[in-house]
Amino acid sequence: MTYSSSSIQPINPDPRILTLLAIGTEDNVRAHILRQHTLGVAEAGAWSRPLPVPTCPDKVMCVLNRIMM
């Protein structure tokens, strides 16, 4: 699979932004997000929707951006 440079989103240059990425099976990623919510780390709704991993058909990824103070 190839990507055009116009389809790739640049990483936010703001140094205060921490980007967390969870990759795994959809069940495992959802379980991780719910565990983080239970621990008070991040609201479950703050994560992105599950996105397919282009090179792994059975995996998804979810992204969370947080501002670190």
N, C-alpha and C. Protein backbone atom coordinates (compact mmCIF):
# COMPACT_ATOMS: atom_id res chain seq x y z
N MET A 1 0.85 -1.17 0.00
CA MET A 1 0.00 0.00 0.00
C MET A 1 0.89 1.23 0.00
N THR A 2 0.56 2.20 -0.83
CA THR A 2 1.33 3.43 -0.86
C THR A 2 0.45 4.59 -0.42
N TYR A 3 1.09 5.62 0.09
CA TYR A 3 0.39 6.80 0.56
C TYR A 3 0.92 8.01 -0.16
N SER A 4 0.01 8.89 -0.56
CA SER A 4 0.46 10.15 -1.13
C SER A 4 0.76 11.10 0.02
N SER A 5 1.67 12.04 -0.21
CA SER A 5 2.03 12.97 0.86
C SER A 5 0.85 13.82 1.29
N SER A 6 -0.14 14.00 0.42
CA SER A 6 -1.30 14.80 0.79
C SER A 6 -2.27 14.04 1.69
N SER A 7 -2.16 12.70 1.76
CA SER A 7 -3.07 11.92 2.59
C SER A 7 -2.53 11.68 4.00
N ILE A 8 -1.26 11.99 4.22
CA ILE A 8 -0.65 11.78 5.54
C ILE A 8 -0.77 13.06 6.35
N GLN A 9 -1.34 12.93 7.54
CA GLN A 9 -1.51 14.10 8.40
C GLN A 9 -0.23 14.34 9.18
N PRO A 10 0.24 15.59 9.25
CA PRO A 10 1.44 15.87 10.04
C PRO A 10 1.16 15.73 11.53
N ILE A 11 2.19 15.40 12.27
CA ILE A 11 2.07 15.32 13.73
C ILE A 11 1.98 16.74 14.27
N ASN A 12 1.14 16.93 15.26
CA ASN A 12 0.98 18.25 15.86
C ASN A 12 2.32 18.71 16.42
N PRO A 13 2.81 19.89 15.99
CA PRO A 13 4.13 20.35 16.45
C PRO A 13 4.13 20.92 17.88
N ASP A 14 2.97 21.08 18.49
CA ASP A 14 2.90 21.63 19.84
C ASP A 14 3.56 20.67 20.81
N PRO A 15 4.64 21.08 21.49
CA PRO A 15 5.36 20.17 22.38
C PRO A 15 4.56 19.76 23.61
N ARG A 16 3.46 20.45 23.90
CA ARG A 16 2.65 20.08 25.06
C ARG A 16 1.73 18.90 24.77
N ILE A 17 1.56 18.56 23.49
CA ILE A 17 0.64 17.49 23.10
C ILE A 17 1.36 16.14 23.21
N LEU A 18 0.77 15.23 23.97
CA LEU A 18 1.24 13.85 24.06
C LEU A 18 0.24 13.00 23.28
N THR A 19 0.71 12.23 22.33
CA THR A 19 -0.15 11.37 21.53
C THR A 19 0.05 9.92 21.97
N LEU A 20 -1.05 9.28 22.38
CA LEU A 20 -1.02 7.88 22.79
C LEU A 20 -1.69 7.06 21.69
N LEU A 21 -1.12 5.92 21.40
CA LEU A 21 -1.62 5.06 20.33
C LEU A 21 -1.77 3.65 20.88
N ALA A 22 -2.97 3.11 20.75
CA ALA A 22 -3.24 1.73 21.17
C ALA A 22 -3.51 0.91 19.92
N ILE A 23 -2.74 -0.15 19.72
CA ILE A 23 -2.89 -1.01 18.55
C ILE A 23 -3.07 -2.44 19.03
N GLY A 24 -4.06 -3.13 18.49
CA GLY A 24 -4.31 -4.52 18.83
C GLY A 24 -5.62 -4.98 18.21
N THR A 25 -6.11 -6.12 18.66
CA THR A 25 -7.42 -6.54 18.19
C THR A 25 -8.45 -5.55 18.72
N GLU A 26 -9.58 -5.47 18.07
CA GLU A 26 -10.58 -4.49 18.51
C GLU A 26 -11.00 -4.73 19.96
N ASP A 27 -11.17 -5.98 20.34
CA ASP A 27 -11.55 -6.29 21.72
C ASP A 27 -10.48 -5.84 22.71
N ASN A 28 -9.22 -6.10 22.41
CA ASN A 28 -8.14 -5.71 23.31
C ASN A 28 -7.98 -4.20 23.41
N VAL A 29 -8.11 -3.50 22.30
CA VAL A 29 -8.00 -2.04 22.32
C VAL A 29 -9.15 -1.44 23.14
N ARG A 30 -10.36 -1.95 22.94
CA ARG A 30 -11.50 -1.45 23.72
C ARG A 30 -11.30 -1.73 25.21
N ALA A 31 -10.79 -2.92 25.54
CA ALA A 31 -10.54 -3.26 26.94
C ALA A 31 -9.48 -2.32 27.54
N HIS A 32 -8.45 -2.01 26.78
CA HIS A 32 -7.41 -1.09 27.26
C HIS A 32 -7.99 0.30 27.52
N ILE A 33 -8.80 0.78 26.59
CA ILE A 33 -9.41 2.11 26.74
C ILE A 33 -10.31 2.14 27.97
N LEU A 34 -11.11 1.10 28.16
CA LEU A 34 -11.98 1.06 29.35
C LEU A 34 -11.17 0.97 30.63
N ARG A 35 -10.05 0.25 30.61
CA ARG A 35 -9.19 0.17 31.79
C ARG A 35 -8.58 1.53 32.11
N GLN A 36 -8.14 2.25 31.08
CA GLN A 36 -7.60 3.59 31.30
C GLN A 36 -8.66 4.52 31.88
N HIS A 37 -9.90 4.36 31.41
CA HIS A 37 -11.01 5.15 31.93
C HIS A 37 -11.25 4.81 33.41
N THR A 38 -11.27 3.53 33.74
CA THR A 38 -11.48 3.09 35.12
C THR A 38 -10.40 3.62 36.05
N LEU A 39 -9.17 3.69 35.56
CA LEU A 39 -8.05 4.18 36.36
C LEU A 39 -8.00 5.71 36.43
N GLY A 40 -8.88 6.38 35.69
CA GLY A 40 -8.91 7.84 35.69
C GLY A 40 -7.85 8.48 34.80
N VAL A 41 -7.27 7.71 33.91
CA VAL A 41 -6.23 8.23 33.02
C VAL A 41 -6.84 9.08 31.92
N ALA A 42 -7.90 8.59 31.29
CA ALA A 42 -8.52 9.31 30.18
C ALA A 42 -9.97 8.86 30.03
N GLU A 43 -10.82 9.78 29.65
CA GLU A 43 -12.21 9.44 29.37
C GLU A 43 -12.26 8.51 28.15
N ALA A 44 -13.11 7.52 28.20
CA ALA A 44 -13.21 6.57 27.09
C ALA A 44 -13.60 7.27 25.79
N GLY A 45 -14.44 8.29 25.88
CA GLY A 45 -14.89 9.00 24.70
C GLY A 45 -13.86 9.93 24.10
N ALA A 46 -12.73 10.13 24.78
CA ALA A 46 -11.68 11.02 24.28
C ALA A 46 -10.82 10.35 23.21
N TRP A 47 -10.85 9.03 23.15
CA TRP A 47 -10.07 8.30 22.14
C TRP A 47 -10.76 8.38 20.79
N SER A 48 -9.99 8.23 19.73
CA SER A 48 -10.56 8.20 18.38
C SER A 48 -11.37 6.91 18.21
N ARG A 49 -12.17 6.87 17.18
CA ARG A 49 -12.86 5.63 16.86
C ARG A 49 -11.82 4.63 16.37
N PRO A 50 -12.09 3.34 16.46
CA PRO A 50 -11.11 2.35 15.98
C PRO A 50 -10.86 2.50 14.48
N LEU A 51 -9.60 2.58 14.12
CA LEU A 51 -9.20 2.72 12.72
C LEU A 51 -8.44 1.46 12.31
N PRO A 52 -8.70 0.95 11.11
CA PRO A 52 -7.98 -0.25 10.69
C PRO A 52 -6.48 0.04 10.51
N VAL A 53 -5.65 -0.93 10.86
CA VAL A 53 -4.21 -0.82 10.62
C VAL A 53 -3.97 -1.31 9.20
N PRO A 54 -3.43 -0.46 8.33
CA PRO A 54 -3.34 -0.83 6.91
C PRO A 54 -2.62 -2.15 6.62
N THR A 55 -1.59 -2.47 7.36
CA THR A 55 -0.80 -3.67 7.04
C THR A 55 -1.20 -4.88 7.87
N CYS A 56 -2.17 -4.73 8.77
CA CYS A 56 -2.60 -5.84 9.63
C CYS A 56 -4.12 -5.92 9.63
N PRO A 57 -4.70 -6.79 8.83
CA PRO A 57 -6.15 -6.81 8.68
C PRO A 57 -6.93 -7.12 9.96
N ASP A 58 -6.31 -7.78 10.93
CA ASP A 58 -7.04 -8.14 12.15
C ASP A 58 -6.80 -7.15 13.29
N LYS A 59 -6.12 -6.03 13.01
CA LYS A 59 -5.79 -5.07 14.06
C LYS A 59 -6.44 -3.71 13.80
N VAL A 60 -6.71 -3.00 14.90
CA VAL A 60 -7.20 -1.63 14.82
C VAL A 60 -6.31 -0.76 15.70
N MET A 61 -6.43 0.55 15.52
CA MET A 61 -5.71 1.48 16.37
C MET A 61 -6.63 2.61 16.80
N CYS A 62 -6.40 3.09 17.99
CA CYS A 62 -7.12 4.25 18.51
C CYS A 62 -6.08 5.24 19.01
N VAL A 63 -6.37 6.53 18.83
CA VAL A 63 -5.43 7.59 19.17
C VAL A 63 -6.05 8.50 20.22
N LEU A 64 -5.21 8.96 21.14
CA LEU A 64 -5.62 9.93 22.15
C LEU A 64 -4.57 11.02 22.20
N ASN A 65 -4.98 12.27 22.07
CA ASN A 65 -4.09 13.41 22.24
C ASN A 65 -4.41 14.08 23.56
N ARG A 66 -3.37 14.32 24.36
CA ARG A 66 -3.54 14.99 25.64
C ARG A 66 -2.57 16.16 25.74
N ILE A 67 -3.03 17.22 26.36
CA ILE A 67 -2.15 18.35 26.63
C ILE A 67 -1.50 18.13 27.97
N MET A 68 -0.17 18.14 27.99
CA MET A 68 0.58 17.94 29.23
C MET A 68 0.97 19.31 29.77
N MET A 69 0.65 19.57 30.99
CA MET A 69 0.97 20.88 31.59
C MET A 69 2.19 20.76 32.45
